[in-house]
């Protein structure tokens, strides 16, 4: 029996969410957008994703209001993709999924997330143990962890070796 393309018979919020973010590359595109990747070529280089797949994912995420397409250059026309509030709301899910993957597959921590205000590493649920609050995404600092490759091949990964706040664009041209 062929696998269906949607979950039309499921009355479940998880099934509805999977229709939007359940495709293989989608969560990685959203992850990168939260890390500050904005431009098509940067997504392409960092993810190693086929061009047609990336174009389709960016179009779908824009249509669903998870990313917003913004023109940053008129001639030639070039756009960037910025997470919306709906996209930013996926941060706890991505953080939890990453933590689960690291723990279940015994991997070293590639990225460390800290509270910008005090420098404390975030707890399991995105909370600051020192301040006792859930840290808003713009107040999260990402830095390389002990499992990070100190000499990655692609320029986006090299740019992500520097500590930076989530949502802050990587810069004009890491590629």
N, C-alpha and C. Protein backbone atom coordinates (compact mmCIF):
# COMPACT_ATOMS: atom_id res chain seq x y z
N UNK A 1 0.85 -1.18 0.00
CA UNK A 1 0.00 0.00 0.00
C UNK A 1 0.89 1.24 0.00
N UNK A 2 0.60 2.19 -0.86
CA UNK A 2 1.38 3.42 -0.97
C UNK A 2 1.10 4.33 0.22
N UNK A 3 2.12 5.03 0.64
CA UNK A 3 2.00 5.99 1.73
C UNK A 3 1.29 7.23 1.21
N UNK A 4 0.26 7.67 1.89
CA UNK A 4 -0.47 8.86 1.48
C UNK A 4 0.37 10.12 1.62
N UNK A 5 -0.08 11.19 0.98
CA UNK A 5 0.65 12.45 1.01
C UNK A 5 0.18 13.38 2.12
N UNK A 6 -0.90 13.05 2.78
CA UNK A 6 -1.37 13.87 3.89
C UNK A 6 -2.01 12.98 4.95
N UNK A 7 -2.52 13.61 5.98
CA UNK A 7 -3.11 12.89 7.10
C UNK A 7 -4.59 13.28 7.24
N UNK A 8 -5.27 13.32 6.10
CA UNK A 8 -6.64 13.83 6.06
C UNK A 8 -7.58 13.08 7.00
N UNK A 9 -7.34 11.81 7.24
CA UNK A 9 -8.23 11.04 8.11
C UNK A 9 -7.86 11.16 9.58
N UNK A 10 -6.79 11.83 9.89
CA UNK A 10 -6.34 11.97 11.27
C UNK A 10 -6.91 13.25 11.88
N UNK A 11 -7.57 13.12 12.99
CA UNK A 11 -8.03 14.29 13.72
C UNK A 11 -7.06 14.50 14.87
N UNK A 12 -5.94 15.14 14.54
CA UNK A 12 -4.84 15.23 15.49
C UNK A 12 -3.97 16.43 15.14
N UNK A 13 -3.63 17.21 16.13
CA UNK A 13 -2.78 18.39 15.88
C UNK A 13 -1.37 18.00 15.46
N UNK A 14 -0.88 16.85 15.89
CA UNK A 14 0.45 16.40 15.47
C UNK A 14 0.41 16.08 13.97
N UNK A 15 -0.66 15.42 13.51
CA UNK A 15 -0.78 15.12 12.08
C UNK A 15 -0.84 16.41 11.27
N UNK A 16 -1.57 17.41 11.72
CA UNK A 16 -1.66 18.68 11.01
C UNK A 16 -0.28 19.35 10.96
N UNK A 17 0.43 19.33 12.05
CA UNK A 17 1.78 19.92 12.07
C UNK A 17 2.71 19.18 11.12
N UNK A 18 2.61 17.85 11.07
CA UNK A 18 3.46 17.07 10.17
C UNK A 18 3.19 17.37 8.71
N UNK A 19 1.97 17.75 8.38
CA UNK A 19 1.67 18.13 7.00
C UNK A 19 2.50 19.36 6.60
N UNK A 20 2.84 20.19 7.54
CA UNK A 20 3.59 21.42 7.25
C UNK A 20 5.09 21.22 7.44
N UNK A 21 5.50 20.59 8.53
CA UNK A 21 6.94 20.52 8.85
C UNK A 21 7.51 19.10 8.86
N UNK A 22 6.73 18.12 8.42
CA UNK A 22 7.16 16.73 8.53
C UNK A 22 8.02 16.20 7.41
N UNK A 23 8.27 16.98 6.39
CA UNK A 23 9.10 16.53 5.29
C UNK A 23 10.56 16.54 5.72
N UNK A 24 11.35 15.66 5.15
CA UNK A 24 12.73 15.40 5.56
C UNK A 24 13.58 16.66 5.74
N UNK A 25 13.56 17.61 4.84
CA UNK A 25 14.44 18.77 4.89
C UNK A 25 13.85 19.96 5.65
N UNK A 26 12.56 19.98 5.86
CA UNK A 26 11.87 21.18 6.33
C UNK A 26 12.38 21.68 7.68
N UNK A 27 12.50 20.80 8.66
CA UNK A 27 12.95 21.26 9.98
C UNK A 27 14.39 21.76 9.94
N UNK A 28 15.20 21.22 9.05
CA UNK A 28 16.59 21.70 8.92
C UNK A 28 16.62 23.09 8.30
N UNK A 29 15.73 23.37 7.37
CA UNK A 29 15.64 24.72 6.80
C UNK A 29 15.21 25.70 7.90
N UNK A 30 14.22 25.32 8.68
CA UNK A 30 13.75 26.19 9.77
C UNK A 30 14.85 26.37 10.80
N UNK A 31 15.53 25.29 11.16
CA UNK A 31 16.66 25.40 12.10
C UNK A 31 17.67 26.42 11.62
N UNK A 32 18.08 26.29 10.35
CA UNK A 32 19.07 27.22 9.82
C UNK A 32 18.55 28.66 9.83
N UNK A 33 17.28 28.85 9.51
CA UNK A 33 16.71 30.20 9.54
C UNK A 33 16.78 30.78 10.96
N UNK A 34 16.51 29.97 11.97
CA UNK A 34 16.61 30.43 13.36
C UNK A 34 18.07 30.73 13.73
N UNK A 35 19.00 30.01 13.13
CA UNK A 35 20.43 30.24 13.37
C UNK A 35 20.94 31.50 12.67
N UNK A 36 20.12 32.08 11.78
CA UNK A 36 20.52 33.31 11.10
C UNK A 36 20.81 33.16 9.62
N UNK A 37 20.65 31.95 9.08
CA UNK A 37 20.81 31.76 7.64
C UNK A 37 19.59 32.40 6.98
N UNK A 38 19.81 33.22 5.96
CA UNK A 38 18.72 33.96 5.34
C UNK A 38 18.66 33.77 3.82
N UNK A 39 19.79 33.54 3.20
CA UNK A 39 19.87 33.57 1.75
C UNK A 39 19.89 32.18 1.14
N UNK A 40 19.27 32.09 -0.03
CA UNK A 40 19.11 30.82 -0.74
C UNK A 40 20.44 30.06 -0.85
N UNK A 41 21.48 30.74 -1.34
CA UNK A 41 22.77 30.06 -1.52
C UNK A 41 23.36 29.58 -0.21
N UNK A 42 23.13 30.32 0.88
CA UNK A 42 23.63 29.89 2.18
C UNK A 42 22.93 28.63 2.66
N UNK A 43 21.59 28.57 2.49
CA UNK A 43 20.87 27.34 2.82
C UNK A 43 21.41 26.18 1.97
N UNK A 44 21.58 26.45 0.69
CA UNK A 44 22.02 25.44 -0.26
C UNK A 44 23.37 24.84 0.15
N UNK A 45 24.32 25.71 0.44
CA UNK A 45 25.67 25.26 0.79
C UNK A 45 25.70 24.56 2.14
N UNK A 46 25.01 25.13 3.12
CA UNK A 46 25.07 24.57 4.48
C UNK A 46 24.35 23.23 4.58
N UNK A 47 23.22 23.10 3.91
CA UNK A 47 22.43 21.88 4.04
C UNK A 47 22.82 20.80 3.03
N UNK A 48 23.41 21.19 1.91
CA UNK A 48 23.70 20.20 0.87
C UNK A 48 22.42 19.64 0.26
N UNK A 49 21.41 20.46 0.20
CA UNK A 49 20.08 20.09 -0.27
C UNK A 49 19.97 20.33 -1.78
N UNK A 50 19.28 19.48 -2.52
CA UNK A 50 19.09 19.75 -3.95
C UNK A 50 18.33 21.08 -4.16
N UNK A 51 18.70 21.81 -5.21
CA UNK A 51 18.10 23.12 -5.49
C UNK A 51 16.58 23.08 -5.59
N UNK A 52 16.06 22.11 -6.32
CA UNK A 52 14.61 22.02 -6.49
C UNK A 52 13.90 21.76 -5.17
N UNK A 53 14.50 20.94 -4.33
CA UNK A 53 13.91 20.64 -3.02
C UNK A 53 13.93 21.89 -2.14
N UNK A 54 15.06 22.61 -2.12
CA UNK A 54 15.15 23.83 -1.32
C UNK A 54 14.12 24.85 -1.80
N UNK A 55 14.02 25.06 -3.10
CA UNK A 55 13.06 26.03 -3.62
C UNK A 55 11.64 25.65 -3.20
N UNK A 56 11.31 24.37 -3.28
CA UNK A 56 9.97 23.92 -2.88
C UNK A 56 9.73 24.11 -1.39
N UNK A 57 10.74 23.81 -0.57
CA UNK A 57 10.58 23.97 0.88
C UNK A 57 10.43 25.44 1.27
N UNK A 58 11.25 26.30 0.68
CA UNK A 58 11.15 27.73 0.99
C UNK A 58 9.79 28.28 0.55
N UNK A 59 9.32 27.84 -0.60
CA UNK A 59 8.01 28.28 -1.07
C UNK A 59 6.90 27.81 -0.12
N UNK A 60 6.96 26.56 0.29
CA UNK A 60 5.94 26.02 1.20
C UNK A 60 5.98 26.71 2.56
N UNK A 61 7.17 26.92 3.09
CA UNK A 61 7.30 27.57 4.40
C UNK A 61 6.84 29.02 4.35
N UNK A 62 7.05 29.67 3.22
CA UNK A 62 6.56 31.04 3.05
C UNK A 62 5.04 31.04 2.94
N UNK A 63 4.49 30.11 2.17
CA UNK A 63 3.04 30.02 2.02
C UNK A 63 2.34 29.73 3.35
N UNK A 64 3.00 28.98 4.23
CA UNK A 64 2.42 28.64 5.53
C UNK A 64 2.68 29.72 6.59
N UNK A 65 3.41 30.77 6.23
CA UNK A 65 3.66 31.85 7.18
C UNK A 65 4.72 31.53 8.21
N UNK A 66 5.58 30.57 7.91
CA UNK A 66 6.66 30.20 8.83
C UNK A 66 7.91 31.03 8.54
N UNK A 67 8.11 31.32 7.25
CA UNK A 67 9.17 32.22 6.82
C UNK A 67 8.54 33.36 6.03
N UNK A 68 9.20 34.50 6.05
CA UNK A 68 8.76 35.64 5.25
C UNK A 68 9.86 35.93 4.23
N UNK A 69 9.45 36.07 2.98
CA UNK A 69 10.38 36.38 1.90
C UNK A 69 10.52 37.90 1.81
N UNK A 70 11.78 38.38 1.92
CA UNK A 70 12.03 39.82 1.87
C UNK A 70 13.09 40.13 0.81
N UNK A 71 12.83 41.10 0.01
CA UNK A 71 13.78 41.53 -1.01
C UNK A 71 14.89 42.33 -0.35
N UNK A 72 16.13 41.94 -0.59
CA UNK A 72 17.27 42.69 -0.04
C UNK A 72 18.10 43.35 -1.12
N UNK A 73 17.81 43.02 -2.39
CA UNK A 73 18.55 43.61 -3.50
C UNK A 73 17.61 43.69 -4.70
N UNK A 74 17.59 44.85 -5.36
CA UNK A 74 16.69 45.05 -6.49
C UNK A 74 17.26 44.58 -7.83
N UNK A 75 18.56 44.83 -8.04
CA UNK A 75 19.13 44.51 -9.34
C UNK A 75 20.46 43.78 -9.19
N UNK A 76 20.53 42.50 -9.49
CA UNK A 76 19.41 41.64 -9.82
C UNK A 76 18.56 41.38 -8.58
N UNK A 77 17.29 41.01 -8.77
CA UNK A 77 16.42 40.79 -7.61
C UNK A 77 16.89 39.60 -6.78
N UNK A 78 17.05 39.85 -5.50
CA UNK A 78 17.45 38.78 -4.56
C UNK A 78 16.62 38.91 -3.29
N UNK A 79 16.25 37.75 -2.76
CA UNK A 79 15.42 37.71 -1.55
C UNK A 79 16.11 36.95 -0.44
N UNK A 80 15.68 37.23 0.76
CA UNK A 80 16.12 36.45 1.92
C UNK A 80 14.87 35.93 2.61
N UNK A 81 15.06 34.95 3.47
CA UNK A 81 13.96 34.28 4.16
C UNK A 81 14.15 34.46 5.65
N UNK A 82 13.17 35.10 6.29
CA UNK A 82 13.26 35.47 7.69
C UNK A 82 12.17 34.74 8.47
N UNK A 83 12.50 34.15 9.61
CA UNK A 83 11.46 33.47 10.40
C UNK A 83 10.41 34.46 10.90
N UNK A 84 9.15 34.06 10.80
CA UNK A 84 8.04 34.84 11.36
C UNK A 84 7.82 34.38 12.80
N UNK A 85 6.86 34.98 13.46
CA UNK A 85 6.51 34.53 14.82
C UNK A 85 6.10 33.06 14.80
N UNK A 86 5.41 32.66 13.75
CA UNK A 86 5.00 31.26 13.61
C UNK A 86 6.20 30.34 13.48
N UNK A 87 7.22 30.79 12.76
CA UNK A 87 8.45 30.01 12.63
C UNK A 87 9.25 30.00 13.92
N UNK A 88 9.33 31.15 14.58
CA UNK A 88 10.07 31.24 15.84
C UNK A 88 9.43 30.34 16.90
N UNK A 89 8.12 30.17 16.82
CA UNK A 89 7.41 29.31 17.78
C UNK A 89 7.83 27.84 17.66
N UNK A 90 8.53 27.48 16.59
CA UNK A 90 9.03 26.10 16.45
C UNK A 90 10.33 25.87 17.21
N UNK A 91 10.96 26.92 17.74
CA UNK A 91 12.23 26.78 18.45
C UNK A 91 12.18 25.72 19.56
N UNK A 92 11.19 25.73 20.47
CA UNK A 92 11.20 24.69 21.52
C UNK A 92 11.14 23.28 20.95
N UNK A 93 10.41 23.08 19.88
CA UNK A 93 10.32 21.76 19.25
C UNK A 93 11.68 21.35 18.68
N UNK A 94 12.33 22.27 17.97
CA UNK A 94 13.63 21.96 17.40
C UNK A 94 14.67 21.71 18.48
N UNK A 95 14.64 22.52 19.52
CA UNK A 95 15.59 22.35 20.63
C UNK A 95 15.38 20.98 21.29
N UNK A 96 14.14 20.62 21.54
CA UNK A 96 13.85 19.33 22.17
C UNK A 96 14.24 18.17 21.28
N UNK A 97 13.95 18.29 20.00
CA UNK A 97 14.29 17.22 19.06
C UNK A 97 15.81 17.05 18.98
N UNK A 98 16.54 18.16 18.95
CA UNK A 98 18.00 18.09 18.93
C UNK A 98 18.56 17.46 20.19
N UNK A 99 18.01 17.83 21.32
CA UNK A 99 18.46 17.26 22.60
C UNK A 99 18.17 15.76 22.64
N UNK A 100 16.96 15.38 22.21
CA UNK A 100 16.59 13.97 22.17
C UNK A 100 17.55 13.20 21.27
N UNK A 101 17.83 13.72 20.07
CA UNK A 101 18.74 13.04 19.16
C UNK A 101 20.13 12.88 19.74
N UNK A 102 20.63 13.91 20.39
CA UNK A 102 21.97 13.84 21.00
C UNK A 102 22.01 12.79 22.10
N UNK A 103 20.99 12.76 22.95
CA UNK A 103 20.96 11.82 24.07
C UNK A 103 20.73 10.38 23.60
N UNK A 104 19.84 10.19 22.64
CA UNK A 104 19.51 8.84 22.18
C UNK A 104 20.60 8.22 21.32
N UNK A 105 21.38 9.06 20.66
CA UNK A 105 22.41 8.55 19.76
C UNK A 105 23.81 8.86 20.27
N UNK A 106 23.88 9.22 21.55
CA UNK A 106 25.16 9.40 22.25
C UNK A 106 26.13 10.29 21.47
N UNK A 107 25.64 11.47 21.09
CA UNK A 107 26.48 12.40 20.35
C UNK A 107 26.95 13.53 21.26
N UNK A 108 28.12 14.04 20.93
CA UNK A 108 28.60 15.22 21.66
C UNK A 108 27.81 16.44 21.23
N UNK A 109 27.69 17.37 22.13
CA UNK A 109 26.94 18.59 21.88
C UNK A 109 27.67 19.46 20.84
N UNK A 110 27.01 19.70 19.71
CA UNK A 110 27.60 20.49 18.63
C UNK A 110 27.41 21.98 18.90
N UNK A 111 26.28 22.34 19.49
CA UNK A 111 26.00 23.75 19.80
C UNK A 111 25.52 23.87 21.24
N UNK A 112 25.96 24.94 21.88
CA UNK A 112 25.54 25.24 23.24
C UNK A 112 24.67 26.49 23.16
N UNK A 113 23.57 26.50 23.88
CA UNK A 113 22.66 27.64 23.89
C UNK A 113 22.66 28.24 25.29
N UNK A 114 22.90 29.54 25.34
CA UNK A 114 23.01 30.25 26.62
C UNK A 114 22.06 31.43 26.68
N UNK A 115 21.73 31.84 27.90
CA UNK A 115 20.95 33.05 28.13
C UNK A 115 21.89 34.24 27.97
N UNK A 116 21.58 35.13 27.04
CA UNK A 116 22.45 36.27 26.75
C UNK A 116 22.65 37.15 27.99
N UNK A 117 21.63 37.29 28.82
CA UNK A 117 21.70 38.20 29.96
C UNK A 117 22.69 37.75 31.02
N UNK A 118 22.82 36.44 31.21
CA UNK A 118 23.68 35.98 32.31
C UNK A 118 24.73 34.94 31.90
N UNK A 119 24.63 34.41 30.68
CA UNK A 119 25.62 33.45 30.19
C UNK A 119 25.39 32.02 30.63
N UNK A 120 24.29 31.76 31.33
CA UNK A 120 24.00 30.41 31.81
C UNK A 120 23.49 29.54 30.67
N UNK A 121 23.96 28.29 30.60
CA UNK A 121 23.47 27.36 29.59
C UNK A 121 21.99 27.07 29.86
N UNK A 122 21.20 27.04 28.80
CA UNK A 122 19.78 26.80 28.94
C UNK A 122 19.51 25.38 29.43
N UNK A 123 18.42 25.23 30.16
CA UNK A 123 17.99 23.92 30.63
C UNK A 123 17.24 23.18 29.54
N UNK A 124 16.73 22.01 29.89
CA UNK A 124 16.07 21.11 28.93
C UNK A 124 14.91 21.74 28.18
N UNK A 125 14.23 22.68 28.79
CA UNK A 125 13.02 23.26 28.20
C UNK A 125 13.22 24.70 27.76
N UNK A 126 14.47 25.11 27.59
CA UNK A 126 14.74 26.47 27.15
C UNK A 126 14.72 27.49 28.27
N UNK A 127 14.76 26.99 29.49
CA UNK A 127 14.72 27.88 30.64
C UNK A 127 16.15 28.22 31.09
N UNK A 128 16.28 29.34 31.75
CA UNK A 128 17.57 29.72 32.34
C UNK A 128 17.54 29.27 33.79
N UNK A 129 18.37 28.29 34.15
CA UNK A 129 18.38 27.82 35.53
C UNK A 129 18.75 28.91 36.54
N UNK A 130 19.59 29.85 36.14
CA UNK A 130 20.00 30.91 37.06
C UNK A 130 18.90 31.93 37.28
N UNK A 131 18.19 32.30 36.21
CA UNK A 131 17.18 33.36 36.30
C UNK A 131 15.78 32.81 36.56
N UNK A 132 15.59 31.51 36.29
CA UNK A 132 14.29 30.90 36.52
C UNK A 132 13.22 31.32 35.52
N UNK A 133 13.62 31.69 34.29
CA UNK A 133 12.65 32.11 33.29
C UNK A 133 12.88 31.34 31.98
N UNK A 134 11.82 31.25 31.19
CA UNK A 134 11.97 30.74 29.82
C UNK A 134 12.61 31.87 29.02
N UNK A 135 13.66 31.56 28.31
CA UNK A 135 14.41 32.60 27.60
C UNK A 135 13.81 32.81 26.20
N UNK A 136 13.41 34.05 25.89
CA UNK A 136 12.90 34.32 24.54
C UNK A 136 13.98 34.05 23.49
N UNK A 137 13.57 33.60 22.32
CA UNK A 137 14.51 33.21 21.27
C UNK A 137 15.55 34.30 20.97
N UNK A 138 15.18 35.58 20.84
CA UNK A 138 16.21 36.58 20.54
C UNK A 138 17.25 36.75 21.66
N UNK A 139 16.97 36.23 22.85
CA UNK A 139 17.89 36.35 23.98
C UNK A 139 18.73 35.09 24.18
N UNK A 140 18.72 34.21 23.17
CA UNK A 140 19.51 32.98 23.23
C UNK A 140 20.79 33.18 22.42
N UNK A 141 21.93 32.91 23.05
CA UNK A 141 23.22 32.95 22.37
C UNK A 141 23.62 31.52 22.04
N UNK A 142 24.02 31.31 20.79
CA UNK A 142 24.47 30.00 20.33
C UNK A 142 25.98 30.07 20.17
N UNK A 143 26.66 29.04 20.67
CA UNK A 143 28.11 28.96 20.49
C UNK A 143 28.48 27.52 20.23
N UNK A 144 29.66 27.29 19.66
CA UNK A 144 30.04 25.91 19.37
C UNK A 144 30.23 25.10 20.65
N UNK A 145 29.80 23.85 20.58
CA UNK A 145 29.98 22.94 21.69
C UNK A 145 31.18 22.04 21.45
N UNK A 146 31.44 21.11 22.38
CA UNK A 146 32.60 20.23 22.26
C UNK A 146 32.57 19.30 21.04
N UNK A 147 31.37 19.06 20.47
CA UNK A 147 31.27 18.18 19.31
C UNK A 147 31.34 18.90 17.98
N UNK A 148 31.51 20.22 18.01
CA UNK A 148 31.57 21.00 16.76
C UNK A 148 32.87 20.73 16.02
N UNK A 149 32.77 20.65 14.72
CA UNK A 149 33.94 20.51 13.86
C UNK A 149 34.68 21.85 13.89
N UNK A 150 35.93 21.88 14.34
CA UNK A 150 36.65 23.15 14.44
C UNK A 150 37.08 23.71 13.09
N UNK A 151 37.01 22.91 12.04
CA UNK A 151 37.42 23.36 10.71
C UNK A 151 36.45 22.83 9.65
N UNK A 152 35.20 23.33 9.66
CA UNK A 152 34.22 22.81 8.72
C UNK A 152 34.52 23.26 7.29
N UNK A 153 34.02 22.51 6.33
CA UNK A 153 34.29 22.78 4.92
C UNK A 153 33.53 23.98 4.38
N UNK A 154 32.29 24.17 4.81
CA UNK A 154 31.49 25.23 4.19
C UNK A 154 31.54 26.53 4.99
N UNK A 155 31.41 27.67 4.31
CA UNK A 155 31.53 28.97 4.96
C UNK A 155 30.41 29.27 5.96
N UNK A 156 29.23 28.71 5.76
CA UNK A 156 28.15 28.93 6.72
C UNK A 156 28.49 28.26 8.04
N UNK A 157 28.97 27.02 7.99
CA UNK A 157 29.37 26.33 9.22
C UNK A 157 30.52 27.06 9.91
N UNK A 158 31.43 27.62 9.14
CA UNK A 158 32.52 28.40 9.74
C UNK A 158 31.98 29.65 10.43
N UNK A 159 31.00 30.30 9.79
CA UNK A 159 30.39 31.49 10.41
C UNK A 159 29.67 31.13 11.70
N UNK A 160 29.10 29.92 11.76
CA UNK A 160 28.37 29.49 12.95
C UNK A 160 29.31 29.06 14.08
N UNK A 161 30.61 29.08 13.86
CA UNK A 161 31.56 28.79 14.94
C UNK A 161 31.73 29.98 15.89
N UNK A 162 31.31 31.15 15.44
CA UNK A 162 31.39 32.33 16.30
C UNK A 162 30.12 32.43 17.15
N UNK A 163 30.24 32.76 18.42
CA UNK A 163 29.02 32.94 19.22
C UNK A 163 28.14 34.01 18.60
N UNK A 164 26.83 33.77 18.59
CA UNK A 164 25.89 34.73 18.04
C UNK A 164 24.51 34.47 18.60
N UNK A 165 23.71 35.52 18.63
CA UNK A 165 22.32 35.36 19.06
C UNK A 165 21.51 34.70 17.96
N UNK A 166 20.55 33.88 18.37
CA UNK A 166 19.62 33.31 17.40
C UNK A 166 18.89 34.45 16.70
N UNK A 167 18.46 34.21 15.50
CA UNK A 167 17.72 35.13 14.65
C UNK A 167 18.57 36.25 14.05
N UNK A 168 19.80 36.44 14.54
CA UNK A 168 20.66 37.47 13.98
C UNK A 168 21.24 36.95 12.67
N UNK A 169 21.04 37.70 11.58
CA UNK A 169 21.55 37.22 10.28
C UNK A 169 23.07 36.97 10.33
N UNK A 170 23.51 36.00 9.55
CA UNK A 170 24.92 35.65 9.52
C UNK A 170 25.79 36.78 9.00
N UNK A 171 25.28 37.54 8.10
CA UNK A 171 26.07 38.60 7.48
C UNK A 171 25.86 38.58 5.99
N UNK A 172 26.46 39.51 5.30
CA UNK A 172 26.16 39.67 3.89
C UNK A 172 26.45 38.43 3.05
N UNK A 173 27.61 37.85 3.15
CA UNK A 173 27.95 36.74 2.27
C UNK A 173 28.88 35.75 2.92
N UNK A 174 28.35 34.82 3.78
CA UNK A 174 29.25 33.81 4.30
C UNK A 174 29.73 32.86 3.21
N UNK A 175 28.95 32.73 2.12
CA UNK A 175 29.32 31.78 1.06
C UNK A 175 30.35 32.37 0.14
